[in-house]
N, C-alpha and C. Protein backbone atom coordinates (compact mmCIF):
# COMPACT_ATOMS: atom_id res chain seq x y z
N MET A 1 -21.04 -47.29 -121.65
CA MET A 1 -20.92 -45.99 -122.27
C MET A 1 -21.07 -44.87 -121.24
N LYS A 2 -22.07 -45.04 -120.37
CA LYS A 2 -22.30 -44.02 -119.35
C LYS A 2 -21.10 -43.92 -118.41
N MET A 3 -20.48 -45.07 -118.11
CA MET A 3 -19.30 -45.08 -117.22
C MET A 3 -18.14 -44.32 -117.86
N LYS A 4 -17.96 -44.54 -119.17
CA LYS A 4 -16.86 -43.88 -119.87
C LYS A 4 -17.09 -42.37 -119.90
N ALA A 5 -18.29 -41.94 -120.17
CA ALA A 5 -18.63 -40.52 -120.20
C ALA A 5 -18.45 -39.90 -118.82
N ALA A 6 -18.83 -40.61 -117.76
CA ALA A 6 -18.67 -40.13 -116.40
C ALA A 6 -17.19 -39.99 -116.04
N GLU A 7 -16.40 -40.97 -116.46
CA GLU A 7 -14.95 -40.92 -116.20
C GLU A 7 -14.31 -39.73 -116.91
N GLU A 8 -14.70 -39.50 -118.18
CA GLU A 8 -14.15 -38.37 -118.93
C GLU A 8 -14.54 -37.05 -118.29
N ALA A 9 -15.78 -36.94 -117.83
CA ALA A 9 -16.23 -35.72 -117.17
C ALA A 9 -15.46 -35.48 -115.88
N LEU A 10 -15.21 -36.56 -115.13
CA LEU A 10 -14.45 -36.46 -113.89
C LEU A 10 -13.00 -36.03 -114.17
N GLU A 11 -12.40 -36.58 -115.22
CA GLU A 11 -11.03 -36.21 -115.60
C GLU A 11 -10.96 -34.73 -115.97
N GLU A 12 -11.95 -34.25 -116.75
CA GLU A 12 -11.98 -32.84 -117.14
C GLU A 12 -12.08 -31.93 -115.91
N LYS A 13 -12.91 -32.33 -114.97
CA LYS A 13 -13.11 -31.54 -113.76
C LYS A 13 -11.82 -31.48 -112.93
N GLN A 14 -11.08 -32.59 -112.90
CA GLN A 14 -9.84 -32.63 -112.13
C GLN A 14 -8.74 -31.80 -112.79
N LYS A 15 -8.77 -31.69 -114.13
CA LYS A 15 -7.76 -30.91 -114.83
C LYS A 15 -7.87 -29.43 -114.49
N VAL A 16 -9.08 -28.90 -114.40
CA VAL A 16 -9.29 -27.49 -114.14
C VAL A 16 -9.55 -27.30 -112.65
N LYS A 17 -8.47 -26.97 -111.94
CA LYS A 17 -8.60 -26.73 -110.50
C LYS A 17 -8.49 -25.24 -110.25
N PRO A 18 -9.16 -24.76 -109.24
CA PRO A 18 -9.09 -23.32 -108.96
C PRO A 18 -7.69 -22.92 -108.53
N SER A 19 -7.31 -21.71 -108.93
CA SER A 19 -6.01 -21.15 -108.54
C SER A 19 -6.24 -20.09 -107.47
N PHE A 20 -5.60 -20.25 -106.34
CA PHE A 20 -5.73 -19.29 -105.26
C PHE A 20 -4.50 -18.38 -105.16
N GLU A 21 -3.67 -18.38 -106.23
CA GLU A 21 -2.51 -17.51 -106.28
C GLU A 21 -2.97 -16.07 -106.48
N LEU A 22 -2.09 -15.11 -106.14
CA LEU A 22 -2.43 -13.71 -106.34
C LEU A 22 -2.50 -13.41 -107.83
N SER A 23 -3.56 -12.76 -108.24
CA SER A 23 -3.66 -12.31 -109.63
C SER A 23 -2.91 -10.99 -109.75
N GLY A 24 -2.77 -10.48 -110.93
CA GLY A 24 -2.06 -9.23 -111.12
C GLY A 24 -2.65 -8.09 -110.32
N LYS A 25 -3.96 -7.92 -110.34
CA LYS A 25 -4.60 -6.80 -109.65
C LYS A 25 -4.46 -6.91 -108.14
N LEU A 26 -4.75 -8.08 -107.60
CA LEU A 26 -4.67 -8.25 -106.16
C LEU A 26 -3.23 -8.12 -105.69
N ALA A 27 -2.29 -8.69 -106.46
CA ALA A 27 -0.88 -8.57 -106.10
C ALA A 27 -0.45 -7.11 -106.13
N ALA A 28 -0.93 -6.36 -107.12
CA ALA A 28 -0.58 -4.94 -107.20
C ALA A 28 -1.11 -4.18 -105.99
N GLU A 29 -2.30 -4.50 -105.55
CA GLU A 29 -2.88 -3.81 -104.40
C GLU A 29 -2.12 -4.12 -103.12
N THR A 30 -1.57 -5.31 -103.00
CA THR A 30 -0.83 -5.66 -101.79
C THR A 30 0.60 -5.15 -101.84
N ASN A 31 1.02 -4.61 -102.97
CA ASN A 31 2.39 -4.15 -103.13
C ASN A 31 2.41 -2.64 -103.40
N ARG A 32 1.59 -1.90 -102.65
CA ARG A 32 1.51 -0.45 -102.81
C ARG A 32 2.16 0.24 -101.60
N VAL A 33 2.94 1.26 -101.90
CA VAL A 33 3.58 2.06 -100.85
C VAL A 33 3.34 3.52 -101.20
N ARG A 34 2.76 4.26 -100.26
CA ARG A 34 2.48 5.69 -100.44
C ARG A 34 1.75 5.96 -101.76
N GLY A 35 0.81 5.08 -102.11
CA GLY A 35 0.01 5.26 -103.31
C GLY A 35 0.67 4.84 -104.60
N VAL A 36 1.87 4.26 -104.53
CA VAL A 36 2.61 3.84 -105.73
C VAL A 36 2.73 2.33 -105.72
N THR A 37 2.37 1.69 -106.84
CA THR A 37 2.53 0.24 -106.96
C THR A 37 3.99 -0.06 -107.28
N LEU A 38 4.63 -0.85 -106.44
CA LEU A 38 6.04 -1.18 -106.64
C LEU A 38 6.20 -2.21 -107.75
N LEU A 39 7.28 -2.08 -108.50
CA LEU A 39 7.58 -3.02 -109.57
C LEU A 39 8.37 -4.22 -109.05
N PHE A 40 8.65 -4.22 -107.76
CA PHE A 40 9.52 -5.24 -107.19
C PHE A 40 8.87 -5.82 -105.94
N ASN A 41 8.87 -7.13 -105.84
CA ASN A 41 8.42 -7.82 -104.63
C ASN A 41 9.64 -8.42 -103.96
N GLU A 42 9.87 -8.03 -102.75
CA GLU A 42 11.02 -8.58 -102.02
C GLU A 42 10.74 -10.03 -101.67
N PRO A 43 11.72 -10.93 -101.91
CA PRO A 43 11.51 -12.33 -101.58
C PRO A 43 11.31 -12.54 -100.08
N PRO A 44 10.52 -13.54 -99.68
CA PRO A 44 10.25 -13.75 -98.26
C PRO A 44 11.50 -14.11 -97.45
N GLU A 45 12.52 -14.67 -98.10
CA GLU A 45 13.73 -15.05 -97.37
C GLU A 45 14.75 -13.92 -97.29
N ALA A 46 14.37 -12.70 -97.68
CA ALA A 46 15.28 -11.55 -97.67
C ALA A 46 15.75 -11.24 -96.24
N ARG A 47 17.02 -10.93 -96.12
CA ARG A 47 17.62 -10.59 -94.83
C ARG A 47 18.59 -9.42 -95.00
N LYS A 48 18.84 -8.70 -93.92
CA LYS A 48 19.86 -7.65 -93.94
C LYS A 48 21.22 -8.32 -94.08
N PRO A 49 22.18 -7.64 -94.74
CA PRO A 49 23.51 -8.24 -94.90
C PRO A 49 24.30 -8.25 -93.61
N ASP A 50 25.21 -9.20 -93.51
CA ASP A 50 26.12 -9.27 -92.36
C ASP A 50 27.29 -8.30 -92.54
N ILE A 51 27.66 -8.07 -93.79
CA ILE A 51 28.77 -7.17 -94.11
C ILE A 51 28.23 -5.76 -94.27
N LYS A 52 28.98 -4.78 -93.81
CA LYS A 52 28.55 -3.38 -93.91
C LYS A 52 28.96 -2.81 -95.28
N TRP A 53 28.06 -2.98 -96.25
CA TRP A 53 28.29 -2.51 -97.62
C TRP A 53 28.08 -1.01 -97.72
N ARG A 54 28.82 -0.40 -98.66
CA ARG A 54 28.71 1.03 -98.91
C ARG A 54 28.74 1.28 -100.42
N LEU A 55 28.03 2.30 -100.84
CA LEU A 55 28.12 2.77 -102.23
C LEU A 55 28.79 4.14 -102.20
N TYR A 56 29.89 4.27 -102.90
CA TYR A 56 30.58 5.54 -103.03
C TYR A 56 30.14 6.15 -104.35
N VAL A 57 29.63 7.37 -104.31
CA VAL A 57 29.06 8.01 -105.49
C VAL A 57 30.07 8.99 -106.08
N PHE A 58 30.35 8.81 -107.38
CA PHE A 58 31.29 9.67 -108.10
C PHE A 58 30.60 10.33 -109.28
N LYS A 59 30.99 11.58 -109.56
CA LYS A 59 30.53 12.26 -110.75
C LYS A 59 31.74 12.93 -111.38
N THR A 60 32.01 12.60 -112.62
CA THR A 60 33.20 13.06 -113.35
C THR A 60 34.47 12.88 -112.52
N GLY A 61 34.61 11.73 -111.89
CA GLY A 61 35.81 11.38 -111.15
C GLY A 61 35.91 11.92 -109.74
N GLU A 62 34.98 12.77 -109.33
CA GLU A 62 35.02 13.32 -107.97
C GLU A 62 33.96 12.67 -107.10
N MET A 63 34.36 12.35 -105.87
CA MET A 63 33.41 11.73 -104.94
C MET A 63 32.42 12.77 -104.43
N LEU A 64 31.14 12.41 -104.44
CA LEU A 64 30.08 13.29 -103.95
C LEU A 64 29.69 12.87 -102.54
N ASN A 65 29.57 13.81 -101.66
CA ASN A 65 29.04 13.57 -100.31
C ASN A 65 29.70 12.40 -99.59
N GLU A 66 28.99 11.91 -98.59
CA GLU A 66 29.41 10.73 -97.83
C GLU A 66 28.96 9.49 -98.57
N PRO A 67 29.57 8.34 -98.29
CA PRO A 67 29.09 7.10 -98.93
C PRO A 67 27.66 6.77 -98.47
N LEU A 68 26.97 6.00 -99.28
CA LEU A 68 25.64 5.52 -98.93
C LEU A 68 25.81 4.20 -98.19
N TYR A 69 25.36 4.14 -96.96
CA TYR A 69 25.49 2.92 -96.16
C TYR A 69 24.29 2.03 -96.49
N ILE A 70 24.55 0.97 -97.23
CA ILE A 70 23.44 0.14 -97.74
C ILE A 70 23.38 -1.23 -97.06
N HIS A 71 23.71 -1.25 -95.78
CA HIS A 71 23.61 -2.50 -95.04
C HIS A 71 22.47 -2.46 -94.02
N ARG A 72 21.74 -1.38 -93.98
CA ARG A 72 20.71 -1.21 -92.95
C ARG A 72 19.35 -1.79 -93.33
N GLN A 73 19.17 -2.14 -94.60
CA GLN A 73 17.93 -2.75 -95.08
C GLN A 73 18.30 -3.95 -95.94
N SER A 74 17.32 -4.79 -96.22
CA SER A 74 17.58 -5.96 -97.06
C SER A 74 17.54 -5.62 -98.55
N CYS A 75 16.91 -4.49 -98.92
CA CYS A 75 16.93 -4.07 -100.32
C CYS A 75 16.83 -2.56 -100.42
N TYR A 76 17.29 -2.02 -101.54
CA TYR A 76 17.27 -0.59 -101.81
C TYR A 76 16.76 -0.37 -103.22
N LEU A 77 15.75 0.49 -103.35
CA LEU A 77 15.16 0.82 -104.64
C LEU A 77 15.76 2.12 -105.15
N PHE A 78 16.23 2.12 -106.40
CA PHE A 78 16.78 3.30 -107.05
C PHE A 78 15.76 3.80 -108.07
N GLY A 79 15.56 5.11 -108.14
CA GLY A 79 14.66 5.65 -109.15
C GLY A 79 14.31 7.10 -108.90
N ARG A 80 13.55 7.68 -109.84
CA ARG A 80 13.15 9.09 -109.75
C ARG A 80 11.93 9.30 -108.87
N GLU A 81 11.14 8.26 -108.61
CA GLU A 81 9.91 8.39 -107.81
C GLU A 81 10.29 8.50 -106.34
N ARG A 82 10.39 9.72 -105.85
CA ARG A 82 10.87 9.96 -104.48
C ARG A 82 9.96 9.41 -103.40
N ARG A 83 8.70 9.15 -103.72
CA ARG A 83 7.80 8.59 -102.71
C ARG A 83 8.19 7.16 -102.33
N VAL A 84 8.88 6.44 -103.21
CA VAL A 84 9.22 5.05 -102.91
C VAL A 84 10.71 4.74 -103.02
N ALA A 85 11.48 5.58 -103.70
CA ALA A 85 12.90 5.29 -103.92
C ALA A 85 13.68 5.45 -102.61
N ASP A 86 14.47 4.45 -102.30
CA ASP A 86 15.37 4.55 -101.14
C ASP A 86 16.56 5.43 -101.49
N ILE A 87 17.01 5.33 -102.75
CA ILE A 87 18.12 6.14 -103.23
C ILE A 87 17.65 6.83 -104.51
N PRO A 88 17.30 8.13 -104.43
CA PRO A 88 16.78 8.83 -105.60
C PRO A 88 17.85 9.01 -106.68
N THR A 89 17.43 8.80 -107.93
CA THR A 89 18.27 9.06 -109.10
C THR A 89 17.52 10.09 -109.92
N ASP A 90 17.92 11.34 -109.83
CA ASP A 90 17.14 12.42 -110.41
C ASP A 90 17.38 12.66 -111.89
N HIS A 91 18.31 11.96 -112.50
CA HIS A 91 18.59 12.19 -113.92
C HIS A 91 17.38 11.84 -114.77
N PRO A 92 17.04 12.65 -115.78
CA PRO A 92 15.85 12.40 -116.58
C PRO A 92 15.87 11.06 -117.34
N SER A 93 17.04 10.48 -117.56
CA SER A 93 17.10 9.19 -118.28
C SER A 93 16.84 8.00 -117.35
N CYS A 94 16.70 8.27 -116.06
CA CYS A 94 16.42 7.19 -115.11
C CYS A 94 14.90 7.01 -114.99
N SER A 95 14.48 5.78 -114.82
CA SER A 95 13.05 5.47 -114.67
C SER A 95 12.59 5.79 -113.26
N LYS A 96 11.27 5.88 -113.08
CA LYS A 96 10.72 6.16 -111.75
C LYS A 96 11.12 5.08 -110.75
N GLN A 97 11.09 3.83 -111.18
CA GLN A 97 11.59 2.70 -110.40
C GLN A 97 12.59 1.99 -111.32
N HIS A 98 13.84 2.34 -111.17
CA HIS A 98 14.86 1.94 -112.14
C HIS A 98 15.46 0.57 -111.84
N ALA A 99 15.94 0.40 -110.63
CA ALA A 99 16.64 -0.85 -110.28
C ALA A 99 16.55 -1.07 -108.78
N VAL A 100 16.91 -2.28 -108.36
CA VAL A 100 16.90 -2.60 -106.94
C VAL A 100 18.16 -3.40 -106.61
N ILE A 101 18.74 -3.10 -105.44
CA ILE A 101 19.82 -3.94 -104.90
C ILE A 101 19.21 -4.76 -103.78
N GLN A 102 19.34 -6.06 -103.92
CA GLN A 102 18.81 -7.02 -102.93
C GLN A 102 20.00 -7.75 -102.34
N PHE A 103 20.01 -7.92 -101.04
CA PHE A 103 21.22 -8.46 -100.44
C PHE A 103 21.33 -9.94 -100.51
N ARG A 104 22.51 -10.10 -101.02
CA ARG A 104 23.76 -10.77 -100.78
C ARG A 104 24.93 -10.02 -101.35
N PRO A 105 25.15 -9.22 -102.14
CA PRO A 105 24.21 -8.34 -102.83
C PRO A 105 23.99 -8.74 -104.29
N TYR A 106 22.79 -8.50 -104.76
CA TYR A 106 22.41 -8.68 -106.16
C TYR A 106 21.79 -7.38 -106.63
N ILE A 107 21.83 -7.17 -107.95
CA ILE A 107 21.14 -6.02 -108.53
C ILE A 107 20.20 -6.53 -109.61
N MET A 108 19.05 -5.85 -109.75
CA MET A 108 18.10 -6.19 -110.80
C MET A 108 17.58 -4.89 -111.41
N ASP A 109 17.65 -4.80 -112.73
CA ASP A 109 17.03 -3.70 -113.45
C ASP A 109 15.53 -4.01 -113.52
N LEU A 110 14.70 -3.03 -113.23
CA LEU A 110 13.25 -3.25 -113.15
C LEU A 110 12.54 -2.93 -114.47
N GLY A 111 13.22 -3.18 -115.59
CA GLY A 111 12.61 -2.92 -116.89
C GLY A 111 12.75 -1.46 -117.31
N SER A 112 13.81 -0.82 -116.87
CA SER A 112 14.01 0.60 -117.18
C SER A 112 14.21 0.80 -118.68
N THR A 113 13.89 1.99 -119.14
CA THR A 113 14.02 2.32 -120.55
C THR A 113 15.49 2.43 -120.96
N ASN A 114 16.31 3.02 -120.12
CA ASN A 114 17.70 3.31 -120.49
C ASN A 114 18.73 2.43 -119.79
N LYS A 115 18.32 1.32 -119.26
CA LYS A 115 19.19 0.26 -118.74
C LYS A 115 19.96 0.62 -117.47
N THR A 116 20.45 -0.43 -116.85
CA THR A 116 21.36 -0.35 -115.71
C THR A 116 22.66 -1.00 -116.17
N PHE A 117 23.77 -0.42 -115.79
CA PHE A 117 25.08 -0.91 -116.22
C PHE A 117 25.90 -1.33 -115.01
N VAL A 118 26.52 -2.50 -115.11
CA VAL A 118 27.45 -2.97 -114.09
C VAL A 118 28.80 -3.11 -114.79
N ASN A 119 29.78 -2.37 -114.31
CA ASN A 119 31.11 -2.34 -114.92
C ASN A 119 31.03 -2.04 -116.41
N ASP A 120 30.25 -1.02 -116.75
CA ASP A 120 30.05 -0.52 -118.12
C ASP A 120 29.30 -1.47 -119.05
N SER A 121 28.80 -2.59 -118.56
CA SER A 121 28.03 -3.52 -119.39
C SER A 121 26.56 -3.47 -118.99
N PRO A 122 25.65 -3.34 -119.97
CA PRO A 122 24.22 -3.32 -119.63
C PRO A 122 23.77 -4.68 -119.11
N ILE A 123 22.86 -4.68 -118.16
CA ILE A 123 22.33 -5.94 -117.64
C ILE A 123 20.91 -6.12 -118.16
N GLU A 124 20.50 -7.37 -118.27
CA GLU A 124 19.14 -7.67 -118.74
C GLU A 124 18.14 -7.31 -117.64
N PRO A 125 16.97 -6.82 -118.05
CA PRO A 125 15.96 -6.49 -117.03
C PRO A 125 15.34 -7.72 -116.40
N GLN A 126 14.81 -7.55 -115.19
CA GLN A 126 14.09 -8.59 -114.45
C GLN A 126 14.93 -9.84 -114.19
N ARG A 127 16.24 -9.65 -114.04
CA ARG A 127 17.13 -10.76 -113.76
C ARG A 127 18.17 -10.31 -112.73
N TYR A 128 18.39 -11.15 -111.72
CA TYR A 128 19.37 -10.81 -110.69
C TYR A 128 20.80 -11.00 -111.23
N TYR A 129 21.66 -10.06 -110.87
CA TYR A 129 23.09 -10.16 -111.16
C TYR A 129 23.83 -10.00 -109.85
N GLU A 130 24.75 -10.90 -109.57
CA GLU A 130 25.51 -10.81 -108.34
C GLU A 130 26.52 -9.67 -108.45
N LEU A 131 26.59 -8.87 -107.41
CA LEU A 131 27.56 -7.78 -107.34
C LEU A 131 28.76 -8.23 -106.52
N ARG A 132 29.92 -7.72 -106.89
CA ARG A 132 31.14 -8.02 -106.16
C ARG A 132 31.78 -6.70 -105.71
N GLU A 133 32.62 -6.83 -104.72
CA GLU A 133 33.35 -5.68 -104.23
C GLU A 133 34.06 -4.97 -105.38
N GLN A 134 33.98 -3.66 -105.40
CA GLN A 134 34.57 -2.76 -106.38
C GLN A 134 33.83 -2.71 -107.72
N ASP A 135 32.64 -3.33 -107.81
CA ASP A 135 31.83 -3.18 -109.02
C ASP A 135 31.35 -1.74 -109.12
N THR A 136 31.20 -1.28 -110.36
CA THR A 136 30.70 0.06 -110.64
C THR A 136 29.31 -0.07 -111.26
N ILE A 137 28.36 0.71 -110.73
CA ILE A 137 26.97 0.67 -111.20
C ILE A 137 26.61 2.04 -111.75
N GLU A 138 25.91 2.05 -112.90
CA GLU A 138 25.41 3.29 -113.49
C GLU A 138 23.97 3.08 -113.90
N PHE A 139 23.18 4.15 -113.84
CA PHE A 139 21.76 4.09 -114.17
C PHE A 139 21.47 5.02 -115.34
N GLY A 140 20.90 4.47 -116.42
CA GLY A 140 20.55 5.27 -117.59
C GLY A 140 21.76 6.00 -118.14
N ASN A 141 21.55 7.25 -118.53
CA ASN A 141 22.63 8.06 -119.10
C ASN A 141 23.25 9.00 -118.06
N SER A 142 22.96 8.76 -116.80
CA SER A 142 23.50 9.59 -115.72
C SER A 142 25.02 9.44 -115.66
N SER A 143 25.69 10.54 -115.35
CA SER A 143 27.16 10.49 -115.25
C SER A 143 27.62 10.03 -113.87
N ARG A 144 26.67 9.77 -112.97
CA ARG A 144 27.05 9.29 -111.63
C ARG A 144 27.41 7.82 -111.68
N GLU A 145 28.48 7.50 -110.99
CA GLU A 145 28.91 6.11 -110.85
C GLU A 145 28.86 5.74 -109.38
N TYR A 146 28.35 4.56 -109.10
CA TYR A 146 28.24 4.05 -107.74
C TYR A 146 29.21 2.89 -107.62
N VAL A 147 30.20 3.03 -106.75
CA VAL A 147 31.20 1.98 -106.55
C VAL A 147 30.88 1.25 -105.26
N LEU A 148 30.77 -0.08 -105.35
CA LEU A 148 30.40 -0.91 -104.21
C LEU A 148 31.64 -1.36 -103.46
N LEU A 149 31.71 -0.99 -102.19
CA LEU A 149 32.79 -1.42 -101.31
C LEU A 149 32.17 -1.81 -99.97
N HIS A 150 32.96 -2.44 -99.09
CA HIS A 150 32.45 -2.75 -97.75
C HIS A 150 33.47 -2.31 -96.72
N GLU A 151 33.12 -2.48 -95.47
CA GLU A 151 33.93 -1.96 -94.38
C GLU A 151 35.36 -2.50 -94.35
N ASN A 152 35.59 -3.66 -94.92
CA ASN A 152 36.93 -4.26 -94.91
C ASN A 152 37.66 -4.09 -96.23
N SER A 153 37.12 -3.29 -97.15
CA SER A 153 37.76 -3.06 -98.45
C SER A 153 39.07 -2.31 -98.25
N ALA A 154 40.06 -2.68 -99.03
CA ALA A 154 41.35 -2.01 -98.94
C ALA A 154 41.26 -0.56 -99.40
N SER A 155 40.32 -0.28 -100.32
CA SER A 155 40.19 1.08 -100.88
C SER A 155 39.35 1.99 -100.00
N ALA A 156 38.65 1.45 -99.01
CA ALA A 156 37.71 2.27 -98.24
C ALA A 156 38.39 3.24 -97.31
C-alpha cells in the first residue's frame, strides 16, 4: 500500500513541472519600445527581404509623395502611435498599433477595431496573410490605399 501511494505521489509530482516560459507580464516588459508595449513580437528567424519592395500610397486615385521603401527592415509596424509606428496611419479609425508587415512579405492585423483589408477583403486578426505583388492594403476606414510593388514590377 505504501509503495502504491509513493508511486502515485511521484506521478503527481512529475505531472506538474515548472514552466520557465515568459509569462504575460515579463514578456510585456521585454517587448517595450519608448515606453510602449508592442502588440507584436518579431520571430527570431526574421530577415530583411532580398527583393526591394515598395508601397505606393494613393488617396482618391492620386499618388501621394514618394513610395515607401519597405525592404530596409524585416518588419514594419503601421498605426497611430508615432512613438513605435514605422509607418504612421493618422486616420482616427486606425488603431495605435494596427498591423504589421513581416517579410517574405506577410501582413498581420494586430487586433484592430476597424480591420485591415487586402484587396478590399478584411483579414482575420492575429493571423499572417501572404502578400503578393500588386496587392492593395487599406487600414480601417482610411481612404489611403497602399499598393505593394517591387523594383522589378512592370508597373513601377
